[in-house]
Amino acid sequence: MSTQSIKVGDKADVRYLLRIADSCLILSQRLGEWCGHGPILEEDLALTNMALDLVGQARGLLTRAGQLDGQGHDEDQLAFLRDERQYFNPVLMELPRGDFAFTTLRNFAVASWLLGLWQRLQSSSDAEVAAIAGKAVKEAQYHQQHAADWVLRLGDGTAESRARLEAALATLWPYFNELFADDAVDAAAVGSKLGPAWSELKAGWQAAMDEILGEAGLAQPKASAYVPAGRVGIHSEHMGHMLAEMQYLQRAYPNGVW
């Protein structure tokens, strides 16, 4: 790779938007890995379409973050030319795709979180962010319902499908904590009315998880004190490998256009 990396500033509003944009972008990359590998054709297409929805949400927020950052970076530069520590998504999004049960359960948890976030962002003081949220709410509602249907089917399915779902829940549970961690970036967003503190989303998310896990007959794991630090740029060992693949084309052929 020969293209020089870019860096974003440390403005709180830029970081707040990048945390959401990167969450959508990185999870879309993981969902895209299912293209051609879905358990059935219909689900192959559904996962790919959800990945595209998330890319669209990420594009809007990356563009707005670039404008607020004031360094002239467009959505493509922000998506493909930052180094690992300059991405601010929760670690949950970058975990390997796993099996279908893992993907389904993560999709439900993230869609439930994004739905609450987009609903609140519809009243953002930033008109562009509010407009992006208005469209994204409908997509998140579909993503949540689609994943919920599969969680119930897998939970009520065979012994193997249930075992895989239980294993996914045990693995994912500690990573959910980061979705509700607050810091000075959240406080600034609340102060400017750009968006809510992520901790404010916990009650709605927990209610959705309680309902679907209860219907599927799955017991929630014990609470964990572990809080990953992807929101401040500290990622898992998986992130670098993902970025190497995701950024290859832009790095190898700088300024390429379609």
Protein backbone atom coordinates (compact mmCIF):
# COMPACT_ATOMS: atom_id res chain seq x y z
CA MET A 1 0.00 0.00 0.00
CA SER A 2 1.44 3.34 -1.04
CA THR A 3 -1.26 5.93 -0.39
CA GLN A 4 -0.63 8.23 2.54
CA SER A 5 -3.05 7.85 5.42
CA ILE A 6 -5.25 10.70 6.59
CA LYS A 7 -6.16 11.77 10.11
CA VAL A 8 -9.28 13.43 11.41
CA GLY A 9 -9.30 16.16 14.02
CA ASP A 10 -10.43 15.71 17.59
CA LYS A 11 -13.62 17.79 17.44
CA ALA A 12 -16.28 16.15 19.57
CA ASP A 13 -19.01 16.42 16.94
CA VAL A 14 -16.79 14.77 14.32
CA ARG A 15 -15.89 11.93 16.68
CA TYR A 16 -19.53 11.43 17.63
CA LEU A 17 -20.58 11.06 14.01
CA LEU A 18 -17.61 8.90 13.08
CA ARG A 19 -18.43 6.46 15.88
CA ILE A 20 -21.82 5.85 14.30
CA ALA A 21 -20.59 5.96 10.70
CA ASP A 22 -17.77 3.51 11.44
CA SER A 23 -20.18 1.18 13.22
CA CYS A 24 -22.31 1.00 10.08
CA LEU A 25 -19.32 0.78 7.74
CA ILE A 26 -17.48 -2.00 9.57
CA LEU A 27 -20.57 -4.12 10.19
CA SER A 28 -21.51 -3.76 6.52
CA GLN A 29 -18.10 -5.14 5.60
CA ARG A 30 -18.72 -8.18 7.81
CA LEU A 31 -22.20 -8.73 6.37
CA GLY A 32 -20.79 -8.41 2.87
CA GLU A 33 -18.66 -11.47 3.57
CA TRP A 34 -21.86 -13.52 3.41
CA CYS A 35 -22.38 -12.68 -0.27
CA GLY A 36 -22.34 -16.06 -2.02
CA HIS A 37 -22.20 -17.93 1.31
CA GLY A 38 -25.72 -17.56 2.74
CA PRO A 39 -27.49 -20.70 3.97
CA ILE A 40 -30.23 -20.14 1.37
CA LEU A 41 -30.44 -17.87 -1.67
CA GLU A 42 -33.05 -15.58 -0.14
CA GLU A 43 -30.95 -15.05 2.97
CA ASP A 44 -27.81 -14.50 0.91
CA LEU A 45 -29.59 -11.61 -0.80
CA ALA A 46 -31.10 -10.28 2.42
CA LEU A 47 -27.75 -10.04 4.21
CA THR A 48 -26.19 -8.36 1.19
CA ASN A 49 -29.02 -5.84 1.02
CA MET A 50 -28.66 -5.06 4.72
CA ALA A 51 -24.96 -4.50 4.15
CA LEU A 52 -25.82 -2.00 1.42
CA ASP A 53 -28.28 -0.21 3.73
CA LEU A 54 -25.51 0.18 6.30
CA VAL A 55 -23.09 1.46 3.65
CA GLY A 56 -25.65 4.09 2.69
CA GLN A 57 -26.01 5.20 6.31
CA ALA A 58 -22.24 5.32 6.71
CA ARG A 59 -21.81 7.38 3.53
CA GLY A 60 -24.17 10.08 4.73
CA LEU A 61 -22.51 10.41 8.13
CA LEU A 62 -18.96 10.22 6.74
CA THR A 63 -19.76 13.04 4.35
CA ARG A 64 -21.19 15.16 7.17
CA ALA A 65 -18.27 14.34 9.47
CA GLY A 66 -15.84 15.37 6.72
CA GLN A 67 -17.62 18.69 6.33
CA LEU A 68 -17.50 19.38 10.07
CA ASP A 69 -13.87 18.29 10.28
CA GLY A 70 -12.97 20.96 7.71
CA GLN A 71 -9.96 19.22 6.17
CA GLY A 72 -11.59 18.53 2.82
CA HIS A 73 -11.86 14.75 3.27
CA ASP A 74 -14.71 13.12 1.38
CA GLU A 75 -16.58 9.93 2.27
CA ASP A 76 -14.23 7.66 0.32
CA GLN A 77 -11.11 9.09 1.91
CA LEU A 78 -12.62 8.74 5.37
CA ALA A 79 -13.76 5.19 4.64
CA PHE A 80 -10.53 3.90 3.12
CA LEU A 81 -7.54 6.05 4.05
CA ARG A 82 -7.55 6.11 7.86
CA ASP A 83 -5.26 3.91 9.91
CA GLU A 84 -6.71 1.48 12.42
CA ARG A 85 -6.52 3.80 15.43
CA GLN A 86 -8.52 6.40 13.51
CA TYR A 87 -11.61 4.19 13.33
CA PHE A 88 -14.03 4.63 16.23
CA ASN A 89 -16.56 1.79 15.94
CA PRO A 90 -17.29 -0.47 18.93
CA VAL A 91 -15.26 -3.68 18.76
CA LEU A 92 -18.52 -5.64 18.45
CA MET A 93 -18.82 -4.59 14.80
CA GLU A 94 -15.40 -5.89 13.72
CA LEU A 95 -15.62 -9.37 15.23
CA PRO A 96 -15.38 -12.06 12.53
CA ARG A 97 -18.68 -12.94 10.92
CA GLY A 98 -18.87 -16.33 12.69
CA ASP A 99 -21.61 -18.78 11.78
CA PHE A 100 -25.15 -17.84 10.81
CA ALA A 101 -26.36 -17.88 14.43
CA PHE A 102 -23.60 -15.46 15.42
CA THR A 103 -24.39 -13.12 12.55
CA THR A 104 -28.13 -13.26 13.24
CA LEU A 105 -27.81 -12.50 16.94
CA ARG A 106 -25.33 -9.67 16.36
CA ASN A 107 -27.62 -8.23 13.70
CA PHE A 108 -30.53 -8.20 16.12
CA ALA A 109 -28.53 -6.55 18.89
CA VAL A 110 -27.01 -3.91 16.60
CA ALA A 111 -30.28 -3.20 14.75
CA SER A 112 -32.05 -2.71 18.07
CA TRP A 113 -29.32 -0.32 19.18
CA LEU A 114 -29.27 1.58 15.88
CA LEU A 115 -33.05 1.83 15.82
CA GLY A 116 -33.07 3.62 19.16
CA LEU A 117 -30.19 5.83 18.06
CA TRP A 118 -31.71 6.77 14.70
CA GLN A 119 -35.05 7.55 16.34
CA ARG A 120 -33.33 10.01 18.67
CA LEU A 121 -31.20 11.50 15.90
CA GLN A 122 -34.29 12.46 13.94
CA SER A 123 -34.50 15.45 16.26
CA SER A 124 -30.80 16.29 16.00
CA SER A 125 -29.84 19.97 15.93
CA ASP A 126 -27.91 19.12 12.73
CA ALA A 127 -30.46 19.09 9.91
CA GLU A 128 -28.38 16.79 7.71
CA VAL A 129 -27.96 14.24 10.47
CA ALA A 130 -31.70 14.40 11.19
CA ALA A 131 -32.45 13.75 7.51
CA ILE A 132 -30.09 10.75 7.41
CA ALA A 133 -31.75 9.37 10.55
CA GLY A 134 -35.22 9.79 9.08
CA LYS A 135 -34.39 7.37 6.28
CA ALA A 136 -32.33 5.03 8.42
CA VAL A 137 -35.11 4.39 10.95
CA LYS A 138 -37.13 2.42 8.41
CA GLU A 139 -34.11 0.34 7.42
CA ALA A 140 -33.23 -0.42 11.04
CA GLN A 141 -36.80 -1.52 11.74
CA TYR A 142 -36.58 -4.04 8.88
CA HIS A 143 -33.14 -5.25 9.99
CA GLN A 144 -34.40 -5.77 13.54
CA GLN A 145 -37.52 -7.67 12.48
CA HIS A 146 -35.61 -9.83 10.02
CA ALA A 147 -33.03 -10.81 12.62
CA ALA A 148 -35.69 -11.37 15.29
CA ASP A 149 -37.49 -13.87 13.08
CA TRP A 150 -34.29 -15.84 12.64
CA VAL A 151 -33.36 -15.74 16.34
CA LEU A 152 -36.73 -17.32 17.13
CA ARG A 153 -36.39 -19.91 14.36
CA LEU A 154 -32.91 -20.92 15.48
CA GLY A 155 -33.89 -20.92 19.16
CA ASP A 156 -36.90 -23.16 18.46
CA GLY A 157 -35.12 -25.23 15.80
CA THR A 158 -32.81 -28.18 16.16
CA ALA A 159 -30.53 -28.94 19.09
CA GLU A 160 -27.61 -27.80 16.97
CA SER A 161 -29.17 -24.47 15.94
CA ARG A 162 -30.04 -23.74 19.56
CA ALA A 163 -26.55 -24.67 20.76
CA ARG A 164 -25.00 -22.37 18.18
CA LEU A 165 -27.28 -19.52 19.23
CA GLU A 166 -26.39 -20.04 22.89
CA ALA A 167 -22.69 -20.04 22.02
CA ALA A 168 -23.10 -16.83 20.03
CA LEU A 169 -24.88 -15.14 22.93
CA ALA A 170 -22.14 -16.12 25.37
CA THR A 171 -19.44 -14.76 23.04
CA LEU A 172 -21.20 -11.51 22.15
CA TRP A 173 -22.56 -10.57 25.57
CA PRO A 174 -19.47 -8.78 26.99
CA TYR A 175 -19.06 -6.75 23.80
CA PHE A 176 -22.52 -5.19 24.15
CA ASN A 177 -21.29 -3.06 27.06
CA GLU A 178 -19.44 -0.71 24.72
CA LEU A 179 -22.70 0.29 23.01
CA PHE A 180 -23.70 2.16 26.16
CA ALA A 181 -20.39 3.62 27.36
CA ASP A 182 -20.31 7.40 27.75
CA ASP A 183 -17.48 9.90 27.71
CA ALA A 184 -16.82 13.58 26.95
CA VAL A 185 -17.80 13.10 23.29
CA ASP A 186 -21.30 12.04 24.34
CA ALA A 187 -21.56 14.90 26.82
CA ALA A 188 -20.69 17.38 24.07
CA ALA A 189 -23.26 15.83 21.73
CA VAL A 190 -25.94 16.16 24.40
CA GLY A 191 -24.92 19.74 25.11
CA SER A 192 -25.12 20.77 21.43
CA LYS A 193 -28.23 18.60 20.88
CA LEU A 194 -26.42 16.79 18.10
CA GLY A 195 -27.51 13.45 19.54
CA PRO A 196 -28.08 11.42 22.70
CA ALA A 197 -25.50 9.94 25.01
CA TRP A 198 -25.22 6.27 24.15
CA SER A 199 -26.10 5.30 27.72
CA GLU A 200 -29.56 6.74 27.13
CA LEU A 201 -30.19 3.95 24.60
CA LYS A 202 -29.71 1.13 27.11
CA ALA A 203 -33.28 0.84 28.43
CA GLY A 204 -34.89 0.48 24.99
CA TRP A 205 -32.23 -1.95 23.81
CA GLN A 206 -32.51 -4.07 26.95
CA ALA A 207 -36.28 -4.28 26.57
CA ALA A 208 -35.89 -5.53 22.99
CA MET A 209 -33.29 -8.09 24.05
CA ASP A 210 -35.42 -9.26 26.98
CA GLU A 211 -38.38 -9.82 24.70
CA ILE A 212 -36.62 -11.74 21.92
CA LEU A 213 -34.36 -13.81 24.18
CA GLY A 214 -37.34 -14.63 26.37
CA GLU A 215 -39.42 -15.80 23.39
CA ALA A 216 -36.49 -17.88 22.16
CA GLY A 217 -36.08 -19.39 25.63
CA LEU A 218 -32.50 -18.18 25.98
CA ALA A 219 -31.10 -17.21 29.37
CA GLN A 220 -29.09 -14.01 29.46
CA PRO A 221 -25.48 -14.45 30.57
CA LYS A 222 -24.22 -12.83 33.75
CA ALA A 223 -23.26 -9.18 33.52
CA SER A 224 -19.66 -8.51 32.56
CA ALA A 225 -17.49 -5.58 33.63
CA TYR A 226 -15.49 -5.78 30.39
CA VAL A 227 -15.84 -2.66 28.22
CA PRO A 228 -13.89 -2.71 24.92
CA ALA A 229 -12.35 0.55 23.71
CA GLY A 230 -13.04 0.62 19.98
CA ARG A 231 -14.80 3.99 20.44
CA VAL A 232 -11.43 5.54 21.22
CA GLY A 233 -9.55 3.69 18.48
CA ILE A 234 -8.29 0.65 20.39
CA HIS A 235 -9.38 -2.40 18.43
CA SER A 236 -9.15 -6.17 18.42
CA GLU A 237 -6.67 -8.24 16.45
CA HIS A 238 -9.34 -8.68 13.78
CA MET A 239 -9.56 -5.02 12.74
CA GLY A 240 -6.21 -4.76 11.00
CA HIS A 241 -6.86 -7.82 8.84
CA MET A 242 -10.26 -6.47 7.86
CA LEU A 243 -8.90 -3.06 6.94
CA ALA A 244 -6.11 -4.57 4.84
CA GLU A 245 -8.74 -6.21 2.68
CA MET A 246 -11.24 -3.34 2.77
CA GLN A 247 -8.70 -0.65 1.88
CA TYR A 248 -6.63 -2.56 -0.68
CA LEU A 249 -8.16 -1.15 -3.86
CA GLN A 250 -8.12 2.49 -2.73
CA ARG A 251 -4.57 2.15 -1.43
CA ALA A 252 -3.27 0.36 -4.52
CA TYR A 253 -4.99 2.65 -7.01
CA PRO A 254 -5.23 6.08 -5.34
CA ASN A 255 -8.03 8.41 -6.40
CA GLY A 256 -9.64 5.74 -8.55
CA VAL A 257 -13.20 6.45 -9.63
CA TRP A 258 -15.89 4.19 -11.05
